[in-house]
Protein backbone atom coordinates (compact mmCIF):
# COMPACT_ATOMS: atom_id res chain seq x y z
CA MET A 1 88.80 11.56 0.29
CA ARG A 2 89.68 14.84 -0.40
CA LYS A 3 93.12 16.03 -0.84
CA VAL A 4 94.44 18.63 1.23
CA TYR A 5 97.20 20.58 0.31
CA VAL A 6 99.42 23.33 2.59
CA ALA A 7 99.62 26.15 0.20
CA GLY A 8 102.40 28.33 2.69
CA GLY A 9 102.69 29.67 6.18
CA ALA A 10 104.56 31.93 8.41
CA CYS A 11 106.22 31.90 11.50
CA THR A 12 107.35 34.67 13.79
CA LYS A 13 110.35 34.39 15.60
CA TYR A 14 110.71 32.11 18.92
CA ILE A 15 112.56 34.74 21.45
CA GLY A 16 112.84 34.26 24.86
CA LYS A 17 115.39 34.86 28.05
CA PHE A 18 118.57 35.35 26.17
CA HIS A 19 117.25 36.10 22.53
CA PRO A 20 118.37 39.49 22.00
CA ASP A 21 114.78 40.87 20.75
CA PHE A 22 113.33 39.75 24.27
CA VAL A 23 113.33 42.29 26.81
CA TRP A 24 114.33 41.07 30.05
CA LYS A 25 115.65 42.71 33.55
CA ARG A 26 119.18 42.79 31.74
CA HIS A 27 118.12 44.17 28.56
CA PRO A 28 118.77 47.51 27.39
CA ASP A 29 115.13 48.65 26.58
CA PHE A 30 113.92 47.00 29.79
CA GLY A 31 111.55 49.58 31.18
CA LYS A 32 111.10 51.40 27.55
CA ARG A 33 108.98 48.61 25.09
CA GLU A 34 107.06 45.54 26.26
CA ASN A 35 107.50 42.21 24.10
CA PRO A 36 104.59 40.94 22.54
CA ASP A 37 101.28 39.43 23.93
CA LEU A 38 99.96 36.29 22.77
CA GLN A 39 97.24 38.38 20.62
CA ASP A 40 100.07 40.02 18.64
CA TYR A 41 102.02 36.64 18.02
CA VAL A 42 98.43 34.88 16.97
CA ARG A 43 97.39 37.91 15.07
CA ASP A 44 101.40 38.68 13.46
CA ALA A 45 101.34 34.81 12.24
CA ALA A 46 97.86 34.80 10.47
CA ILE A 47 98.33 37.71 8.67
CA GLU A 48 101.92 36.94 7.40
CA ALA A 49 100.55 33.35 6.38
CA LEU A 50 98.16 35.19 4.56
CA VAL A 51 100.37 37.32 3.10
CA ASP A 52 103.15 34.41 2.15
CA THR A 53 99.92 32.65 0.20
CA HIS A 54 98.39 35.34 -1.40
CA THR A 55 95.29 35.15 0.50
CA THR A 56 92.65 37.65 1.43
CA ALA A 57 91.03 37.11 4.83
CA ALA A 58 87.91 36.97 2.87
CA GLN A 59 88.74 34.01 1.18
CA VAL A 60 88.98 32.15 4.30
CA ASP A 61 86.11 29.41 5.14
CA LYS A 62 87.15 28.64 8.53
CA ALA A 63 90.24 28.92 10.90
CA PHE A 64 91.55 27.15 14.07
CA VAL A 65 93.88 27.83 16.88
CA GLY A 66 96.18 25.95 18.86
CA ASN A 67 97.27 27.11 22.34
CA PHE A 68 97.58 25.42 25.87
CA ALA A 69 97.65 28.07 28.74
CA GLY A 70 96.83 31.22 27.67
CA GLU A 71 94.74 32.17 30.55
CA LEU A 72 97.55 31.13 32.41
CA PHE A 73 100.49 32.74 31.02
CA ASP A 74 98.80 36.04 29.55
CA ASN A 75 95.27 35.98 31.39
CA GLN A 76 93.70 35.70 27.65
CA GLY A 77 91.58 32.48 26.16
CA HIS A 78 88.63 33.14 23.74
CA LEU A 79 91.31 32.82 21.01
CA GLY A 80 88.91 32.07 18.46
CA ALA A 81 87.66 36.02 18.49
CA SER A 82 91.42 37.32 19.27
CA LEU A 83 91.87 36.01 15.51
CA ALA A 84 88.69 37.28 14.29
CA ALA A 85 90.10 40.84 15.44
CA ALA A 86 93.04 40.06 13.09
CA ASP A 87 91.30 41.33 10.17
CA PRO A 88 87.84 42.45 9.38
CA ASP A 89 87.38 40.18 6.74
CA LEU A 90 87.83 37.27 9.12
CA ALA A 91 84.75 38.38 11.40
CA GLY A 92 81.89 36.46 11.08
CA LYS A 93 84.03 33.67 9.96
CA PRO A 94 83.27 29.86 12.49
CA ILE A 95 87.17 30.19 14.04
CA ALA A 96 87.86 27.93 17.17
CA ARG A 97 90.27 27.00 19.91
CA LEU A 98 92.12 23.50 20.04
CA GLU A 99 94.14 22.41 23.50
CA GLY A 100 95.90 18.92 23.45
CA ALA A 101 98.77 20.42 25.94
CA CYS A 102 101.67 20.76 23.89
CA ALA A 103 99.99 19.06 20.98
CA SER A 104 97.52 21.79 20.68
CA GLY A 105 98.91 23.27 17.31
CA GLY A 106 99.29 19.61 15.72
CA LEU A 107 95.17 19.49 17.06
CA ALA A 108 94.46 22.76 15.12
CA PHE A 109 96.39 21.18 12.39
CA ALA A 110 94.07 17.84 12.31
CA ALA A 111 91.24 20.04 12.84
CA GLY A 112 92.06 22.02 9.48
CA ILE A 113 92.45 18.75 7.53
CA ASP A 114 89.21 17.49 8.64
CA ALA A 115 87.70 20.78 7.84
CA ILE A 116 88.87 20.63 4.72
CA ARG A 117 87.68 16.92 3.93
CA ALA A 118 84.33 18.01 5.33
CA GLY A 119 84.19 20.63 2.35
CA ALA A 120 85.74 23.62 3.19
CA ASP A 121 88.37 25.12 0.87
CA VAL A 122 90.55 27.50 2.40
CA VAL A 123 91.41 27.16 6.35
CA LEU A 124 93.93 29.04 8.76
CA VAL A 125 95.26 27.53 11.24
CA VAL A 126 97.32 28.98 13.77
CA GLY A 127 99.20 28.31 16.61
CA ALA A 128 100.32 30.55 19.65
CA GLU A 129 101.80 30.69 22.86
CA VAL A 130 103.61 33.09 25.21
CA GLN A 131 105.05 31.58 28.77
CA THR A 132 108.42 34.35 29.40
CA THR A 133 105.37 36.28 31.71
CA VAL A 134 105.71 34.50 34.75
CA SER A 135 109.05 32.69 36.93
CA ALA A 136 110.50 29.22 35.89
CA ARG A 137 108.71 27.91 38.89
CA ASP A 138 105.82 29.57 37.95
CA GLY A 139 105.43 28.28 34.51
CA ALA A 140 106.68 24.98 35.74
CA ASN A 141 103.92 24.82 37.81
CA PHE A 142 101.18 26.25 34.75
CA LEU A 143 102.86 23.02 32.47
CA ALA A 144 102.29 20.77 35.20
CA ARG A 145 98.75 20.72 34.32
CA ALA A 146 99.49 18.68 31.24
CA ALA A 147 100.15 15.84 33.84
CA ASP A 148 97.68 14.30 35.76
CA TYR A 149 98.05 17.54 38.13
CA LYS A 150 97.01 15.69 41.56
CA ARG A 151 99.08 12.53 41.18
CA GLN A 152 101.94 13.74 39.59
CA ARG A 153 102.45 17.19 40.32
CA PRO A 154 103.95 16.11 43.53
CA ILE A 155 107.24 14.26 42.03
CA ASP A 156 108.91 17.41 41.56
CA GLU A 157 108.51 21.65 41.59
CA PHE A 158 109.71 21.32 38.09
CA THR A 159 107.16 18.29 36.79
CA PHE A 160 107.85 17.63 33.67
CA PRO A 161 111.36 18.02 33.39
CA ALA A 162 111.50 14.99 36.40
CA LEU A 163 109.14 12.96 34.15
CA PHE A 164 111.39 12.92 31.16
CA ALA A 165 114.42 12.87 33.81
CA ARG A 166 112.73 9.06 34.78
CA ARG A 167 112.98 8.34 31.14
CA ALA A 168 116.74 9.40 30.96
CA LYS A 169 117.27 7.15 33.84
CA ALA A 170 115.61 4.32 32.60
CA LEU A 171 117.33 4.40 29.31
CA THR A 172 120.60 5.30 30.77
CA GLU A 173 120.12 1.87 32.79
CA ARG A 174 118.57 -0.36 30.56
CA THR A 175 119.59 0.41 26.97
CA GLU A 176 122.72 1.27 25.23
CA ALA A 177 121.77 5.19 25.77
CA THR A 178 124.27 7.25 27.74
CA MET A 179 124.14 10.77 29.14
CA GLU A 180 126.76 12.12 26.42
CA ASP A 181 124.35 10.52 23.96
CA PHE A 182 121.69 13.10 25.18
CA ALA A 183 124.33 16.05 25.22
CA ARG A 184 124.95 15.26 21.70
CA ALA A 185 120.81 15.70 20.99
CA SER A 186 121.62 19.20 22.58
CA VAL A 187 124.52 19.76 20.40
CA LYS A 188 122.85 19.10 17.42
CA ALA A 189 119.67 21.42 18.21
CA TYR A 190 121.88 24.10 19.17
CA ALA A 191 124.34 23.83 15.60
CA ASN A 192 120.92 23.79 13.65
CA ALA A 193 119.39 26.39 15.38
CA GLY A 194 122.32 28.46 14.61
CA ARG A 195 121.59 28.25 10.77
CA ASN A 196 117.72 29.43 11.63
CA PRO A 197 117.53 32.81 11.96
CA LEU A 198 113.81 32.31 13.51
CA ALA A 199 115.26 30.56 16.46
CA HIS A 200 114.98 31.33 19.79
CA MET A 201 119.00 30.03 20.59
CA HIS A 202 120.03 31.12 17.50
CA ALA A 203 122.98 33.24 18.29
CA HIS A 204 124.17 30.86 20.88
CA LYS A 205 126.68 27.98 20.84
CA MET A 206 126.89 24.16 22.55
CA THR A 207 129.96 22.26 22.70
CA LEU A 208 129.99 18.89 23.29
CA GLU A 209 132.00 19.10 26.24
CA GLN A 210 129.48 21.99 27.89
CA ALA A 211 126.33 20.08 27.33
CA SER A 212 128.06 17.18 28.96
CA THR A 213 129.40 18.68 31.84
CA VAL A 214 127.07 19.78 35.02
CA SER A 215 128.09 23.49 35.97
CA ASP A 216 126.68 26.67 36.95
CA SER A 217 125.80 27.46 33.42
CA ASN A 218 124.10 23.86 32.83
CA PRO A 219 122.88 22.38 36.41
CA THR A 220 121.17 19.17 37.08
CA PHE A 221 118.16 21.57 38.77
CA LEU A 222 115.31 19.20 39.78
CA ASN A 223 114.83 18.69 43.69
CA ASN A 224 114.17 15.08 43.40
CA GLU A 225 117.22 13.50 44.43
CA GLU A 226 116.76 10.13 42.72
CA LEU A 227 116.06 12.00 39.00
CA LYS A 228 118.39 15.31 39.64
CA PRO A 229 121.43 13.30 37.86
CA PHE A 230 119.34 12.87 34.83
CA LEU A 231 118.27 15.93 33.36
CA ARG A 232 120.51 19.35 32.76
CA VAL A 233 119.38 22.62 31.51
CA SER A 234 120.68 21.54 28.00
CA ASP A 235 118.76 18.57 27.85
CA CYS A 236 115.31 21.16 27.99
CA SER A 237 113.85 22.74 25.16
CA GLN A 238 113.34 26.40 25.43
CA VAL A 239 110.42 28.53 27.38
CA SER A 240 109.53 30.45 24.13
CA ASP A 241 106.89 32.89 23.14
CA GLY A 242 105.99 32.84 19.10
CA GLY A 243 103.47 31.82 16.72
CA THR A 244 103.32 29.53 13.48
CA ALA A 245 100.19 29.72 11.14
CA LEU A 246 99.32 27.62 8.02
CA VAL A 247 96.79 27.73 5.12
CA LEU A 248 95.39 24.47 4.38
CA CYS A 249 93.58 24.23 0.78
CA SER A 250 91.44 21.74 -1.36
CA ALA A 251 92.54 21.33 -4.73
CA ASP A 252 89.63 23.87 -5.45
CA GLY A 253 91.34 26.01 -2.81
CA VAL A 254 94.64 25.80 -4.59
CA ALA A 255 93.33 27.46 -7.44
CA ARG A 256 90.73 29.40 -5.90
CA LEU A 257 93.71 31.25 -4.48
CA GLY A 258 95.68 31.64 -8.21
CA ARG A 259 98.27 28.99 -6.93
CA LYS A 260 99.78 25.88 -8.15
CA LEU A 261 99.75 22.96 -6.85
CA ALA A 262 103.70 22.83 -7.60
CA ASP A 263 104.01 25.09 -4.88
CA CYS A 264 102.21 23.44 -2.20
CA SER A 265 102.46 19.98 0.01
CA GLU A 266 99.87 17.26 0.29
CA VAL A 267 98.88 16.05 3.25
CA LEU A 268 98.77 11.91 2.56
CA ALA A 269 97.97 11.29 6.66
CA CYS A 270 97.50 13.14 9.86
CA GLU A 271 96.98 10.85 12.90
CA VAL A 272 95.75 11.53 16.48
CA SER A 273 96.09 8.97 19.26
CA THR A 274 95.53 9.77 22.61
CA ALA A 275 96.14 8.01 25.66
CA ALA A 276 94.49 7.73 29.23
CA LEU A 277 96.12 10.50 31.24
CA SER A 278 95.60 8.30 34.45
CA ALA A 279 98.00 5.93 33.15
CA ASP A 280 101.96 5.48 33.40
CA PRO A 281 103.62 5.08 30.42
CA SER A 282 106.26 2.65 29.27
CA PRO A 283 109.75 4.91 30.78
CA LEU A 284 111.80 3.36 27.61
CA ALA A 285 109.10 3.55 25.22
CA LEU A 286 106.61 6.83 23.68
CA ASP A 287 104.18 3.86 22.94
CA ASN A 288 101.25 6.09 22.02
CA SER A 289 103.04 8.22 19.25
CA ALA A 290 104.27 5.39 17.83
CA SER A 291 100.48 3.87 17.82
CA ALA A 292 100.24 7.32 15.70
CA ALA A 293 102.97 6.44 13.30
CA LYS A 294 101.97 2.78 12.53
CA ARG A 295 98.46 4.63 11.76
CA ALA A 296 99.57 7.46 9.36
CA TYR A 297 102.45 5.24 7.68
CA ALA A 298 99.39 2.82 6.79
CA LYS A 299 97.39 5.62 5.70
CA ALA A 300 99.54 7.02 3.51
CA GLY A 301 100.90 3.94 1.77
CA VAL A 302 104.73 4.39 2.89
CA THR A 303 107.29 3.11 5.16
CA ALA A 304 109.64 4.96 7.91
CA LYS A 305 112.61 3.88 5.18
CA GLU A 306 111.47 6.48 2.99
CA MET A 307 111.05 9.38 4.96
CA GLN A 308 113.44 11.84 3.55
CA VAL A 309 113.11 14.42 6.37
CA ALA A 310 111.27 14.40 9.80
CA GLU A 311 110.06 16.65 12.85
CA VAL A 312 109.72 15.47 16.27
CA HIS A 313 109.04 16.69 19.39
CA ASP A 314 112.01 17.43 21.35
CA CYS A 315 110.64 18.60 24.77
CA PHE A 316 113.98 17.17 26.51
CA THR A 317 116.49 15.40 24.40
CA VAL A 318 115.81 12.06 25.78
CA THR A 319 112.24 12.84 24.13
CA GLU A 320 114.02 12.72 20.32
CA ILE A 321 115.87 9.85 21.21
CA LEU A 322 112.53 7.91 21.87
CA MET A 323 111.25 9.85 19.06
CA TYR A 324 113.41 7.80 16.79
CA GLU A 325 112.36 4.31 17.78
CA ALA A 326 108.46 5.44 17.98
CA LEU A 327 108.87 6.86 14.54
CA GLY A 328 110.48 3.85 12.98
CA PHE A 329 114.03 5.22 12.31
CA ALA A 330 115.52 2.80 14.74
CA ASP A 331 114.87 -0.54 16.60
CA THR A 332 113.80 -0.51 20.41
CA GLY A 333 116.69 0.60 22.47
CA ARG A 334 118.23 2.00 19.23
CA GLY A 335 118.02 5.33 19.01
CA ALA A 336 121.02 6.76 20.51
CA THR A 337 123.02 4.64 18.07
CA LEU A 338 121.29 6.40 14.97
CA LEU A 339 122.17 9.94 16.46
CA ARG A 340 125.92 8.94 17.74
CA GLU A 341 126.54 7.57 13.97
CA GLY A 342 124.93 10.77 12.13
CA ALA A 343 121.97 9.76 10.70
CA THR A 344 119.90 12.70 12.19
CA ALA A 345 122.02 15.51 11.22
CA ILE A 346 120.98 17.80 8.42
CA ASP A 347 123.28 15.95 5.91
CA GLY A 348 122.65 12.69 7.45
CA ALA A 349 120.57 9.53 6.57
CA ILE A 350 117.22 11.28 7.87
CA PRO A 351 117.80 14.24 9.15
CA VAL A 352 115.26 15.53 11.86
CA ASN A 353 114.77 18.77 13.40
CA THR A 354 117.05 20.79 10.94
CA GLY A 355 115.56 23.93 12.09
CA GLY A 356 116.48 23.24 15.62
CA GLY A 357 113.74 21.65 17.14
CA LEU A 358 112.52 22.36 20.22
CA VAL A 359 115.49 22.49 22.68
CA GLY A 360 117.24 24.95 19.32
CA PHE A 361 114.44 26.56 17.71
CA GLY A 362 112.39 26.64 20.61
CA HIS A 363 108.96 25.90 22.03
CA PRO A 364 105.96 28.08 22.53
CA VAL A 365 103.51 25.16 23.34
CA GLY A 366 100.62 26.04 21.18
CA ALA A 367 102.79 26.60 17.92
CA THR A 368 105.13 23.92 17.67
CA GLY A 369 102.71 21.39 16.17
CA VAL A 370 101.75 23.96 13.35
CA LYS A 371 105.69 24.76 12.85
CA GLN A 372 106.87 21.07 12.38
CA VAL A 373 104.28 20.63 9.41
CA LEU A 374 105.66 24.34 7.81
CA GLU A 375 109.06 23.27 8.52
CA LEU A 376 108.57 19.90 6.13
CA HIS A 377 106.89 22.49 3.42
CA ARG A 378 109.52 24.67 3.64
CA GLN A 379 112.03 21.70 3.01
CA PHE A 380 110.28 20.60 -0.10
CA HIS A 381 110.64 23.80 -1.85
CA SER A 382 114.01 24.56 -0.76
CA MET A 383 112.83 27.73 1.61
CA CYS A 384 115.52 27.02 4.49
CA GLY A 385 118.60 28.72 3.71
CA ASP A 386 121.53 28.13 5.38
CA TYR A 387 119.21 24.68 6.80
CA GLN A 388 118.49 23.20 3.77
CA VAL A 389 118.64 19.73 3.42
CA GLY A 390 120.62 18.44 0.26
CA GLY A 391 119.10 16.51 -2.10
CA ASP A 392 115.78 17.73 -2.39
CA PRO A 393 113.58 16.03 -0.02
CA THR A 394 110.03 14.96 -0.96
CA LEU A 395 108.51 13.37 1.83
CA GLY A 396 108.52 13.86 5.69
CA ILE A 397 107.11 13.15 8.88
CA ALA A 398 106.27 15.47 12.02
CA ALA A 399 105.40 14.06 15.43
CA ASN A 400 103.89 16.44 17.69
CA MET A 401 103.23 15.40 21.78
CA GLY A 402 101.59 16.43 24.18
CA GLY A 403 102.17 15.85 28.03
CA ASP A 404 104.04 12.56 28.77
CA ASP A 405 103.04 10.73 25.64
CA ARG A 406 99.19 11.60 25.97
CA THR A 407 98.32 13.02 22.88
CA ALA A 408 100.14 12.69 19.74
CA VAL A 409 99.81 14.01 16.40
CA VAL A 410 101.74 12.22 13.16
CA THR A 411 101.34 13.82 9.89
CA ILE A 412 102.97 12.44 6.59
CA LEU A 413 103.47 15.19 4.09
CA ARG A 414 104.87 14.94 0.56
CA SER A 415 105.25 17.59 -1.86
CA ALA A 416 102.81 18.44 -4.79
CA SER A 417 105.50 18.95 -7.33
């Protein structure tokens, strides 16, 4: 099997409401300028990634775009053709869009890997999403398409927050996890984002008291009375706009770009697992993500204990804790203890979501799975600035999840140096 390398990439700022660069009704530039649209993010991320890796568009053999709901949020589909417009030399290339809810970026990355293994030498992978064009309620309705819409939409007008509040309820009732543990995850995310200039919540602080307390600024907002107490605003990922892109190469492709393998990261495994949309998962576990992780560890020939840094899908704070268990960092029911002990902090034994994760960095849905891989690559090559992990990490894992653990993409990466 041909080896696959991440040569580098680029990430736009992830922005949305309350970010200083985001134009909204209270922004001083409201009415004077507009926020970037979806095609802007696709183009900008792609061009910046090509520049970062000293790649010309003519050198790209294939490209893939990860996006979930461009037609709904931005009235724009056909994003392969949109990417082709980013540079004249991309015209005529085979480019396709991949969709798998919040795992759309991960699927685009997996498709890029398959293309390299099938004979391509240089592949461009882009993930992008715009979600700030509609109200929170309309956006929640759009995002509910990632659930079994007819069956699950009635649970609450905020369908996905309710589905994960159900998980939080189950954990607090049947394991050692508490609502304060979920608050700790939020505090960690905001603290890491504060070190990351690209993060949506870079300029915002979150204390344990703020995250733990239900207030006007941190309400429980569900209509479902049974689930309402188990999710606060601080437990949620950000409604963000943004884009991220990667350049993947074969060994020949690395040479073609004039790069050194030592500047790259090698993909040891990338496993995709899909569960039935019509089935309700156990609220106590991310079994589909665990299945993908088990296969990835086996293919890579490594174990969870060897991981030195991780990027996990934290669409809600409870999801991060469940991901610790799905990836084998903690035993079943013990994920909250790992967080409580500080093991997943930047200076912990297994740093998780060092740039802020979805809660702090932001969650432009189609970009997340691409960004996670780029974050690992940057950690390996000491490119993370104030949130750089110590000890020169060389081995890490990314877990990107779509829907209520219905699509999972788990990638294991190591420095090629």
